[in-house]
Amino acid sequence: MKVQIEFSLIPIGGDPHLSEDIALCEKILADYGLEVELHAMGTNIEGDWDAIMQALKACHEAIMEKGRSRIYSVLKIVASREEEKSFQEKVASVRYQLEKLMN
């Protein structure tokens, strides 16, 4: 089943800087062949449900292996029987509506 997920991962304990851990997770997601878009508050992921869950598990395991004692994660999942617009198409649609309002 193809799904769209917004994923946020917050390692707890150890180094307060998160960019190295986030970069590691982004690489893992890319290695799984998933469509990803990093943004300031997390990552949008599009792909197969099982592949995404395996990749997220690999992210957690890799970060824990680096010495983090806990990880707090947030997932927002869109699963639909109908074909979903891509994240880019959804953003473009909102920008189009905004442009109409601004003119």
N, C-alpha and C. Protein backbone atom coordinates (compact mmCIF):
# COMPACT_ATOMS: atom_id res chain seq x y z
N MET A 1 0.85 -1.17 0.00
CA MET A 1 0.00 0.00 0.00
C MET A 1 0.90 1.24 0.00
N LYS A 2 0.64 2.15 -0.92
CA LYS A 2 1.40 3.40 -0.97
C LYS A 2 0.81 4.39 0.03
N VAL A 3 1.70 5.04 0.77
CA VAL A 3 1.28 6.00 1.79
C VAL A 3 2.14 7.25 1.72
N GLN A 4 1.65 8.28 2.37
CA GLN A 4 2.40 9.52 2.55
C GLN A 4 2.52 9.74 4.06
N ILE A 5 3.73 10.04 4.49
CA ILE A 5 3.99 10.18 5.92
C ILE A 5 4.79 11.45 6.17
N GLU A 6 4.40 12.16 7.22
CA GLU A 6 5.26 13.22 7.75
C GLU A 6 5.90 12.63 9.00
N PHE A 7 7.21 12.65 9.05
CA PHE A 7 7.99 11.99 10.09
C PHE A 7 8.90 12.98 10.79
N SER A 8 8.85 12.98 12.11
CA SER A 8 9.78 13.78 12.91
C SER A 8 10.46 12.84 13.89
N LEU A 9 11.76 12.99 14.02
CA LEU A 9 12.55 12.14 14.90
C LEU A 9 13.37 13.05 15.81
N ILE A 10 13.23 12.84 17.11
CA ILE A 10 13.95 13.67 18.07
C ILE A 10 14.76 12.75 18.99
N PRO A 11 16.08 12.62 18.75
CA PRO A 11 16.92 11.83 19.65
C PRO A 11 17.01 12.52 21.01
N ILE A 12 17.01 11.73 22.08
CA ILE A 12 17.06 12.26 23.43
C ILE A 12 18.29 11.69 24.13
N GLY A 13 19.01 12.55 24.82
CA GLY A 13 20.20 12.13 25.54
C GLY A 13 21.44 12.30 24.68
N GLY A 14 22.51 12.71 25.31
CA GLY A 14 23.76 12.90 24.58
C GLY A 14 23.84 14.27 23.95
N ASP A 15 24.48 14.34 22.81
CA ASP A 15 24.72 15.60 22.08
C ASP A 15 23.41 16.33 21.81
N PRO A 16 23.29 17.61 22.19
CA PRO A 16 22.05 18.34 21.95
C PRO A 16 21.85 18.73 20.48
N HIS A 17 22.88 18.61 19.67
CA HIS A 17 22.77 18.94 18.25
C HIS A 17 22.22 17.74 17.50
N LEU A 18 21.23 17.96 16.66
CA LEU A 18 20.51 16.87 16.01
C LEU A 18 20.86 16.67 14.55
N SER A 19 21.54 17.62 13.92
CA SER A 19 21.71 17.58 12.46
C SER A 19 22.42 16.32 11.98
N GLU A 20 23.41 15.83 12.72
CA GLU A 20 24.12 14.62 12.30
C GLU A 20 23.19 13.41 12.31
N ASP A 21 22.37 13.30 13.35
CA ASP A 21 21.42 12.18 13.43
C ASP A 21 20.37 12.28 12.34
N ILE A 22 19.87 13.47 12.10
CA ILE A 22 18.85 13.66 11.06
C ILE A 22 19.45 13.33 9.70
N ALA A 23 20.68 13.77 9.45
CA ALA A 23 21.33 13.47 8.17
C ALA A 23 21.50 11.96 7.98
N LEU A 24 21.87 11.26 9.04
CA LEU A 24 22.00 9.80 8.97
C LEU A 24 20.67 9.16 8.59
N CYS A 25 19.60 9.61 9.22
CA CYS A 25 18.27 9.07 8.91
C CYS A 25 17.86 9.40 7.48
N GLU A 26 18.14 10.61 7.02
CA GLU A 26 17.82 10.99 5.64
C GLU A 26 18.54 10.08 4.64
N LYS A 27 19.80 9.73 4.93
CA LYS A 27 20.56 8.84 4.06
C LYS A 27 19.92 7.46 4.03
N ILE A 28 19.52 6.97 5.19
CA ILE A 28 18.87 5.66 5.26
C ILE A 28 17.59 5.66 4.45
N LEU A 29 16.77 6.70 4.58
CA LEU A 29 15.53 6.78 3.81
C LEU A 29 15.83 6.77 2.31
N ALA A 30 16.85 7.50 1.89
CA ALA A 30 17.23 7.53 0.48
C ALA A 30 17.74 6.16 0.03
N ASP A 31 18.50 5.48 0.89
CA ASP A 31 19.02 4.15 0.56
C ASP A 31 17.89 3.15 0.33
N TYR A 32 16.75 3.38 0.97
CA TYR A 32 15.58 2.51 0.78
C TYR A 32 14.80 2.89 -0.48
N GLY A 33 15.25 3.91 -1.19
CA GLY A 33 14.60 4.30 -2.44
C GLY A 33 13.30 5.05 -2.26
N LEU A 34 13.12 5.66 -1.11
CA LEU A 34 11.88 6.38 -0.83
C LEU A 34 11.97 7.81 -1.34
N GLU A 35 10.81 8.37 -1.69
CA GLU A 35 10.74 9.79 -2.06
C GLU A 35 10.66 10.58 -0.76
N VAL A 36 11.65 11.43 -0.53
CA VAL A 36 11.70 12.19 0.72
C VAL A 36 11.89 13.68 0.44
N GLU A 37 11.36 14.46 1.35
CA GLU A 37 11.53 15.92 1.29
C GLU A 37 11.75 16.42 2.71
N LEU A 38 12.97 16.82 3.01
CA LEU A 38 13.32 17.35 4.32
C LEU A 38 12.78 18.77 4.45
N HIS A 39 12.21 19.09 5.60
CA HIS A 39 11.80 20.45 5.90
C HIS A 39 12.17 20.76 7.35
N ALA A 40 11.93 21.95 7.78
CA ALA A 40 12.42 22.42 9.08
C ALA A 40 11.89 21.60 10.27
N MET A 41 10.72 21.02 10.15
CA MET A 41 10.11 20.33 11.28
C MET A 41 10.06 18.82 11.11
N GLY A 42 10.66 18.29 10.04
CA GLY A 42 10.63 16.85 9.83
C GLY A 42 10.90 16.50 8.38
N THR A 43 10.37 15.36 7.98
CA THR A 43 10.58 14.85 6.63
C THR A 43 9.28 14.29 6.09
N ASN A 44 8.93 14.67 4.87
CA ASN A 44 7.81 14.05 4.17
C ASN A 44 8.36 12.83 3.43
N ILE A 45 7.63 11.72 3.51
CA ILE A 45 8.05 10.48 2.87
C ILE A 45 6.88 9.92 2.08
N GLU A 46 7.15 9.51 0.85
CA GLU A 46 6.14 8.84 0.03
C GLU A 46 6.70 7.50 -0.39
N GLY A 47 5.85 6.47 -0.32
CA GLY A 47 6.30 5.15 -0.75
C GLY A 47 5.44 4.04 -0.20
N ASP A 48 5.97 2.83 -0.31
CA ASP A 48 5.27 1.64 0.17
C ASP A 48 5.30 1.60 1.70
N TRP A 49 4.15 1.28 2.29
CA TRP A 49 4.00 1.23 3.75
C TRP A 49 5.11 0.40 4.40
N ASP A 50 5.28 -0.84 3.93
CA ASP A 50 6.26 -1.73 4.55
C ASP A 50 7.68 -1.20 4.40
N ALA A 51 8.01 -0.68 3.22
CA ALA A 51 9.36 -0.15 2.99
C ALA A 51 9.63 1.04 3.91
N ILE A 52 8.64 1.91 4.07
CA ILE A 52 8.82 3.07 4.95
C ILE A 52 9.03 2.62 6.39
N MET A 53 8.21 1.68 6.86
CA MET A 53 8.34 1.21 8.25
C MET A 53 9.69 0.54 8.47
N GLN A 54 10.17 -0.23 7.50
CA GLN A 54 11.50 -0.85 7.62
C GLN A 54 12.58 0.22 7.68
N ALA A 55 12.46 1.25 6.84
CA ALA A 55 13.44 2.33 6.82
C ALA A 55 13.43 3.11 8.14
N LEU A 56 12.24 3.37 8.68
CA LEU A 56 12.15 4.09 9.95
C LEU A 56 12.76 3.27 11.09
N LYS A 57 12.54 1.97 11.05
CA LYS A 57 13.17 1.09 12.05
C LYS A 57 14.68 1.17 11.92
N ALA A 58 15.19 1.14 10.69
CA ALA A 58 16.64 1.23 10.46
C ALA A 58 17.18 2.58 10.96
N CYS A 59 16.41 3.65 10.78
CA CYS A 59 16.82 4.97 11.31
C CYS A 59 16.97 4.92 12.82
N HIS A 60 15.97 4.38 13.48
CA HIS A 60 16.01 4.30 14.94
C HIS A 60 17.20 3.45 15.41
N GLU A 61 17.40 2.30 14.77
CA GLU A 61 18.49 1.42 15.17
C GLU A 61 19.85 2.10 14.98
N ALA A 62 20.04 2.77 13.84
CA ALA A 62 21.32 3.43 13.56
C ALA A 62 21.61 4.54 14.56
N ILE A 63 20.60 5.29 14.92
CA ILE A 63 20.81 6.39 15.86
C ILE A 63 21.05 5.86 17.27
N MET A 64 20.36 4.79 17.64
CA MET A 64 20.59 4.17 18.95
C MET A 64 22.01 3.61 19.02
N GLU A 65 22.49 3.04 17.91
CA GLU A 65 23.85 2.49 17.88
C GLU A 65 24.90 3.59 18.09
N LYS A 66 24.55 4.83 17.76
CA LYS A 66 25.46 5.96 17.95
C LYS A 66 25.51 6.42 19.41
N GLY A 67 24.67 5.84 20.26
CA GLY A 67 24.73 6.17 21.68
C GLY A 67 23.53 6.91 22.24
N ARG A 68 22.55 7.20 21.41
CA ARG A 68 21.34 7.85 21.95
C ARG A 68 20.59 6.84 22.81
N SER A 69 20.09 7.29 23.94
CA SER A 69 19.39 6.39 24.85
C SER A 69 17.90 6.28 24.56
N ARG A 70 17.33 7.33 23.94
CA ARG A 70 15.90 7.33 23.63
C ARG A 70 15.68 8.13 22.36
N ILE A 71 14.59 7.80 21.67
CA ILE A 71 14.20 8.55 20.48
C ILE A 71 12.70 8.78 20.56
N TYR A 72 12.30 10.02 20.39
CA TYR A 72 10.88 10.38 20.32
C TYR A 72 10.56 10.62 18.85
N SER A 73 9.57 9.91 18.32
CA SER A 73 9.19 10.06 16.91
C SER A 73 7.71 10.37 16.78
N VAL A 74 7.40 11.16 15.77
CA VAL A 74 6.01 11.51 15.46
C VAL A 74 5.76 11.15 14.01
N LEU A 75 4.67 10.43 13.75
CA LEU A 75 4.28 10.07 12.39
C LEU A 75 2.87 10.57 12.13
N LYS A 76 2.68 11.19 10.97
CA LYS A 76 1.35 11.51 10.46
C LYS A 76 1.25 10.72 9.16
N ILE A 77 0.22 9.89 9.04
CA ILE A 77 0.12 8.97 7.91
C ILE A 77 -1.15 9.21 7.13
N VAL A 78 -1.01 9.31 5.81
CA VAL A 78 -2.15 9.36 4.90
C VAL A 78 -2.13 8.07 4.09
N ALA A 79 -3.15 7.26 4.28
CA ALA A 79 -3.32 6.04 3.49
C ALA A 79 -4.69 6.13 2.83
N SER A 80 -4.73 5.93 1.54
CA SER A 80 -5.98 6.11 0.80
C SER A 80 -6.12 5.03 -0.26
N ARG A 81 -7.34 4.63 -0.51
CA ARG A 81 -7.60 3.69 -1.60
C ARG A 81 -7.48 4.38 -2.95
N GLU A 82 -7.69 5.68 -2.93
CA GLU A 82 -7.62 6.45 -4.17
C GLU A 82 -6.20 6.98 -4.36
N GLU A 83 -5.86 7.30 -5.60
CA GLU A 83 -4.54 7.87 -5.90
C GLU A 83 -4.41 9.22 -5.22
N GLU A 84 -3.37 9.39 -4.44
CA GLU A 84 -3.11 10.65 -3.76
C GLU A 84 -2.24 11.54 -4.63
N LYS A 85 -2.46 12.83 -4.54
CA LYS A 85 -1.54 13.78 -5.16
C LYS A 85 -0.22 13.71 -4.40
N SER A 86 0.88 13.96 -5.10
CA SER A 86 2.18 13.99 -4.43
C SER A 86 2.23 15.20 -3.50
N PHE A 87 3.19 15.21 -2.60
CA PHE A 87 3.36 16.36 -1.72
C PHE A 87 3.57 17.63 -2.55
N GLN A 88 4.37 17.53 -3.61
CA GLN A 88 4.64 18.69 -4.45
C GLN A 88 3.37 19.18 -5.13
N GLU A 89 2.52 18.26 -5.58
CA GLU A 89 1.26 18.66 -6.21
C GLU A 89 0.33 19.33 -5.20
N LYS A 90 0.31 18.84 -3.97
CA LYS A 90 -0.53 19.44 -2.94
C LYS A 90 -0.07 20.86 -2.63
N VAL A 91 1.23 21.06 -2.52
CA VAL A 91 1.77 22.39 -2.25
C VAL A 91 1.48 23.32 -3.42
N ALA A 92 1.66 22.83 -4.64
CA ALA A 92 1.39 23.64 -5.83
C ALA A 92 -0.07 24.07 -5.88
N SER A 93 -0.97 23.19 -5.47
CA SER A 93 -2.40 23.52 -5.46
C SER A 93 -2.70 24.66 -4.49
N VAL A 94 -2.10 24.60 -3.31
CA VAL A 94 -2.30 25.67 -2.32
C VAL A 94 -1.69 26.97 -2.82
N ARG A 95 -0.51 26.90 -3.40
CA ARG A 95 0.13 28.12 -3.93
C ARG A 95 -0.70 28.73 -5.05
N TYR A 96 -1.32 27.90 -5.87
CA TYR A 96 -2.19 28.39 -6.94
C TYR A 96 -3.38 29.14 -6.33
N GLN A 97 -4.01 28.56 -5.32
CA GLN A 97 -5.15 29.21 -4.66
C GLN A 97 -4.71 30.50 -3.99
N LEU A 98 -3.54 30.50 -3.38
CA LEU A 98 -3.02 31.71 -2.74
C LEU A 98 -2.77 32.80 -3.77
N GLU A 99 -2.21 32.43 -4.91
CA GLU A 99 -1.95 33.39 -5.98
C GLU A 99 -3.26 34.04 -6.45
N LYS A 100 -4.32 33.24 -6.55
CA LYS A 100 -5.63 33.78 -6.95
C LYS A 100 -6.13 34.79 -5.92
N LEU A 101 -5.91 34.50 -4.64
CA LEU A 101 -6.36 35.40 -3.58
C LEU A 101 -5.54 36.69 -3.54
N MET A 102 -4.28 36.60 -3.90
CA MET A 102 -3.39 37.75 -3.83
C MET A 102 -3.60 38.72 -4.99
N ASN A 103 -4.20 38.28 -6.07
CA ASN A 103 -4.41 39.15 -7.25
C ASN A 103 -5.77 39.81 -7.23
